Amino acid sequence: MRFHHYALEVKNIEESVAFYKKYLGFQEESRMYFMEEEIVFLTLKDFRLELLSGHQKNERLTHLCFEVNHIQDVMHRFGDYRKIEGPYKLENGWETVFYEGPNQEILEFLQVAPPLQ
């Protein structure tokens, strides 16, 4: 397991993308839509920032994401312990699941490649 990204909910995604590019030197890596949310990934060297359009009401979208080799192993380890949502398969092939930590922090686990057989 390794750190994959930190996510922030933003009110104006284009303004936020422009800010992080201009003032901090981030580069746009990719864009996608998921469950009516626009998502933009920005990178700065080895750091990845996910910006989420803030259109959902009463949702906590800020989270830490860890990349894992096998999403099923994570789900087996956690079971139903504070599972928030998922698993989901994204349009780019990634698989993800969300859990709540002991202090209501949101933890995402992300598998970016099919597991090796």
C-alpha atoms as a PDB file:
ATOM      1  CA  MET A   1       0.000   0.000   0.000  1.00  0.00           C
ATOM      2  CA  ARG A   2       1.196   3.491  -0.785  1.00  0.00           C
ATOM      3  CA  PHE A   3      -0.210   7.015  -0.667  1.00  0.00           C
ATOM      4  CA  HIS A   4      -2.052   7.852  -3.911  1.00  0.00           C
ATOM      5  CA  HIS A   5      -3.698  11.279  -3.455  1.00  0.00           C
ATOM      6  CA  TYR A   6      -5.315  13.833  -1.199  1.00  0.00           C
ATOM      7  CA  ALA A   7      -8.754  15.074  -2.238  1.00  0.00           C
ATOM      8  CA  LEU A   8     -10.327  18.489  -1.738  1.00  0.00           C
ATOM      9  CA  GLU A   9     -13.880  19.564  -2.417  1.00  0.00           C
ATOM     10  CA  VAL A  10     -13.919  22.914  -4.250  1.00  0.00           C
ATOM     11  CA  LYS A  11     -16.732  25.296  -5.188  1.00  0.00           C
ATOM     12  CA  ASN A  12     -15.329  26.341  -8.579  1.00  0.00           C
ATOM     13  CA  ILE A  13     -13.242  23.620 -10.155  1.00  0.00           C
ATOM     14  CA  GLU A  14     -11.863  25.699 -13.049  1.00  0.00           C
ATOM     15  CA  GLU A  15     -10.784  28.510 -10.726  1.00  0.00           C
ATOM     16  CA  SER A  16      -9.132  25.957  -8.428  1.00  0.00           C
ATOM     17  CA  VAL A  17      -7.318  24.196 -11.282  1.00  0.00           C
ATOM     18  CA  ALA A  18      -6.004  27.546 -12.526  1.00  0.00           C
ATOM     19  CA  PHE A  19      -4.859  28.519  -9.019  1.00  0.00           C
ATOM     20  CA  TYR A  20      -2.928  25.298  -8.351  1.00  0.00           C
ATOM     21  CA  LYS A  21      -1.318  25.416 -11.792  1.00  0.00           C
ATOM     22  CA  LYS A  22      -0.338  29.102 -11.698  1.00  0.00           C
ATOM     23  CA  TYR A  23       0.742  29.538  -8.091  1.00  0.00           C
ATOM     24  CA  LEU A  24       1.983  26.080  -7.099  1.00  0.00           C
ATOM     25  CA  GLY A  25       3.171  24.613 -10.396  1.00  0.00           C
ATOM     26  CA  PHE A  26       0.786  21.640 -10.584  1.00  0.00           C
ATOM     27  CA  GLN A  27       0.122  19.963 -13.937  1.00  0.00           C
ATOM     28  CA  GLU A  28      -3.238  18.528 -14.952  1.00  0.00           C
ATOM     29  CA  GLU A  29      -3.078  14.736 -15.099  1.00  0.00           C
ATOM     30  CA  SER A  30      -6.679  13.753 -15.917  1.00  0.00           C
ATOM     31  CA  ARG A  31     -10.369  14.641 -15.710  1.00  0.00           C
ATOM     32  CA  MET A  32     -13.431  12.483 -15.263  1.00  0.00           C
ATOM     33  CA  TYR A  33     -17.016  12.520 -14.097  1.00  0.00           C
ATOM     34  CA  PHE A  34     -18.316  10.153 -11.428  1.00  0.00           C
ATOM     35  CA  MET A  35     -21.755  10.220  -9.812  1.00  0.00           C
ATOM     36  CA  GLU A  36     -22.430  13.743 -11.161  1.00  0.00           C
ATOM     37  CA  GLU A  37     -19.168  15.099  -9.738  1.00  0.00           C
ATOM     38  CA  GLU A  38     -16.411  16.512 -11.916  1.00  0.00           C
ATOM     39  CA  ILE A  39     -12.997  15.271 -10.802  1.00  0.00           C
ATOM     40  CA  VAL A  40      -9.611  16.698 -11.805  1.00  0.00           C
ATOM     41  CA  PHE A  41      -6.301  15.109 -10.805  1.00  0.00           C
ATOM     42  CA  LEU A  42      -3.311  17.446 -10.575  1.00  0.00           C
ATOM     43  CA  THR A  43       0.284  16.368 -10.002  1.00  0.00           C
ATOM     44  CA  LEU A  44       3.378  18.063  -8.640  1.00  0.00           C
ATOM     45  CA  LYS A  45       6.338  15.696  -8.840  1.00  0.00           C
ATOM     46  CA  ASP A  46       5.263  12.665  -6.765  1.00  0.00           C
ATOM     47  CA  PHE A  47       2.276  14.383  -5.112  1.00  0.00           C
ATOM     48  CA  ARG A  48      -1.236  13.981  -6.542  1.00  0.00           C
ATOM     49  CA  LEU A  49      -4.144  16.283  -5.648  1.00  0.00           C
ATOM     50  CA  GLU A  50      -7.737  15.403  -6.524  1.00  0.00           C
ATOM     51  CA  LEU A  51     -10.143  18.320  -6.897  1.00  0.00           C
ATOM     52  CA  LEU A  52     -13.847  17.464  -6.644  1.00  0.00           C
ATOM     53  CA  SER A  53     -16.585  19.837  -7.747  1.00  0.00           C
ATOM     54  CA  GLY A  54     -18.645  20.649  -4.664  1.00  0.00           C
ATOM     55  CA  HIS A  55     -22.154  20.078  -5.943  1.00  0.00           C
ATOM     56  CA  GLN A  56     -23.335  17.383  -3.538  1.00  0.00           C
ATOM     57  CA  LYS A  57     -25.066  18.621  -0.410  1.00  0.00           C
ATOM     58  CA  ASN A  58     -24.185  17.316   3.043  1.00  0.00           C
ATOM     59  CA  GLU A  59     -21.411  15.117   1.670  1.00  0.00           C
ATOM     60  CA  ARG A  60     -17.892  14.896   3.052  1.00  0.00           C
ATOM     61  CA  LEU A  61     -15.590  14.599   0.057  1.00  0.00           C
ATOM     62  CA  THR A  62     -12.178  15.476   1.515  1.00  0.00           C
ATOM     63  CA  HIS A  63     -10.233  12.254   2.002  1.00  0.00           C
ATOM     64  CA  LEU A  64      -6.911  10.408   1.986  1.00  0.00           C
ATOM     65  CA  CYS A  65      -6.429   7.774  -0.698  1.00  0.00           C
ATOM     66  CA  PHE A  66      -4.134   4.771  -0.554  1.00  0.00           C
ATOM     67  CA  GLU A  67      -3.256   2.766  -3.652  1.00  0.00           C
ATOM     68  CA  VAL A  68      -3.478  -0.983  -3.093  1.00  0.00           C
ATOM     69  CA  ASN A  69      -2.676  -4.029  -5.215  1.00  0.00           C
ATOM     70  CA  HIS A  70      -5.891  -5.909  -4.414  1.00  0.00           C
ATOM     71  CA  ILE A  71      -9.085  -4.047  -3.493  1.00  0.00           C
ATOM     72  CA  GLN A  72     -10.713  -7.356  -2.521  1.00  0.00           C
ATOM     73  CA  ASP A  73      -8.024  -7.935   0.136  1.00  0.00           C
ATOM     74  CA  VAL A  74      -8.802  -4.549   1.697  1.00  0.00           C
ATOM     75  CA  MET A  75     -12.530  -5.247   1.667  1.00  0.00           C
ATOM     76  CA  HIS A  76     -11.953  -8.639   3.273  1.00  0.00           C
ATOM     77  CA  ARG A  77      -9.749  -7.068   5.971  1.00  0.00           C
ATOM     78  CA  PHE A  78     -12.285  -4.327   6.780  1.00  0.00           C
ATOM     79  CA  GLY A  79     -15.490  -6.285   6.141  1.00  0.00           C
ATOM     80  CA  ASP A  80     -18.423  -3.991   6.886  1.00  0.00           C
ATOM     81  CA  TYR A  81     -16.476  -2.027   9.510  1.00  0.00           C
ATOM     82  CA  ARG A  82     -17.549   1.572   8.875  1.00  0.00           C
ATOM     83  CA  LYS A  83     -17.826   1.088   5.123  1.00  0.00           C
ATOM     84  CA  ILE A  84     -19.126   4.306   3.573  1.00  0.00           C
ATOM     85  CA  GLU A  85     -19.572   3.328  -0.076  1.00  0.00           C
ATOM     86  CA  GLY A  86     -18.355   1.175  -2.905  1.00  0.00           C
ATOM     87  CA  PRO A  87     -16.799  -0.766  -4.337  1.00  0.00           C
ATOM     88  CA  TYR A  88     -17.012   1.132  -7.609  1.00  0.00           C
ATOM     89  CA  LYS A  89     -15.339   0.590 -10.949  1.00  0.00           C
ATOM     90  CA  LEU A  90     -14.462   3.914 -12.603  1.00  0.00           C
ATOM     91  CA  GLU A  91     -14.492   4.622 -16.341  1.00  0.00           C
ATOM     92  CA  ASN A  92     -10.684   4.422 -16.466  1.00  0.00           C
ATOM     93  CA  GLY A  93     -10.700   0.908 -14.959  1.00  0.00           C
ATOM     94  CA  TRP A  94      -9.744   1.895 -11.418  1.00  0.00           C
ATOM     95  CA  GLU A  95     -11.611   0.210  -8.561  1.00  0.00           C
ATOM     96  CA  THR A  96     -12.305   2.055  -5.311  1.00  0.00           C
ATOM     97  CA  VAL A  97     -13.960   1.654  -1.922  1.00  0.00           C
ATOM     98  CA  PHE A  98     -14.397   4.124   0.966  1.00  0.00           C
ATOM     99  CA  TYR A  99     -14.264   3.522   4.727  1.00  0.00           C
ATOM    100  CA  GLU A 100     -14.539   5.770   7.752  1.00  0.00           C
ATOM    101  CA  GLY A 101     -11.673   5.853  10.221  1.00  0.00           C
ATOM    102  CA  PRO A 102     -12.106   5.988  14.011  1.00  0.00           C
ATOM    103  CA  ASN A 103     -12.398   9.795  14.016  1.00  0.00           C
ATOM    104  CA  GLN A 104     -14.805  10.058  11.054  1.00  0.00           C
ATOM    105  CA  GLU A 105     -11.951  10.651   8.611  1.00  0.00           C
ATOM    106  CA  ILE A 106     -12.600   9.277   5.130  1.00  0.00           C
ATOM    107  CA  LEU A 107     -10.158   6.711   3.754  1.00  0.00           C
ATOM    108  CA  GLU A 108     -10.257   5.660   0.114  1.00  0.00           C
ATOM    109  CA  PHE A 109      -8.550   2.513  -1.133  1.00  0.00           C
ATOM    110  CA  LEU A 110      -7.819   2.458  -4.852  1.00  0.00           C
ATOM    111  CA  GLN A 111      -6.700  -0.319  -7.178  1.00  0.00           C
ATOM    112  CA  VAL A 112      -5.354   1.222 -10.397  1.00  0.00           C
ATOM    113  CA  ALA A 113      -4.333  -1.991 -12.192  1.00  0.00           C
ATOM    114  CA  PRO A 114      -5.851  -5.463 -12.378  1.00  0.00           C
ATOM    115  CA  PRO A 115      -4.427  -7.762  -9.713  1.00  0.00           C
ATOM    116  CA  LEU A 116      -1.597 -10.018 -10.849  1.00  0.00           C
ATOM    117  CA  GLN A 117      -2.614 -13.654 -11.058  1.00  0.00           C
END
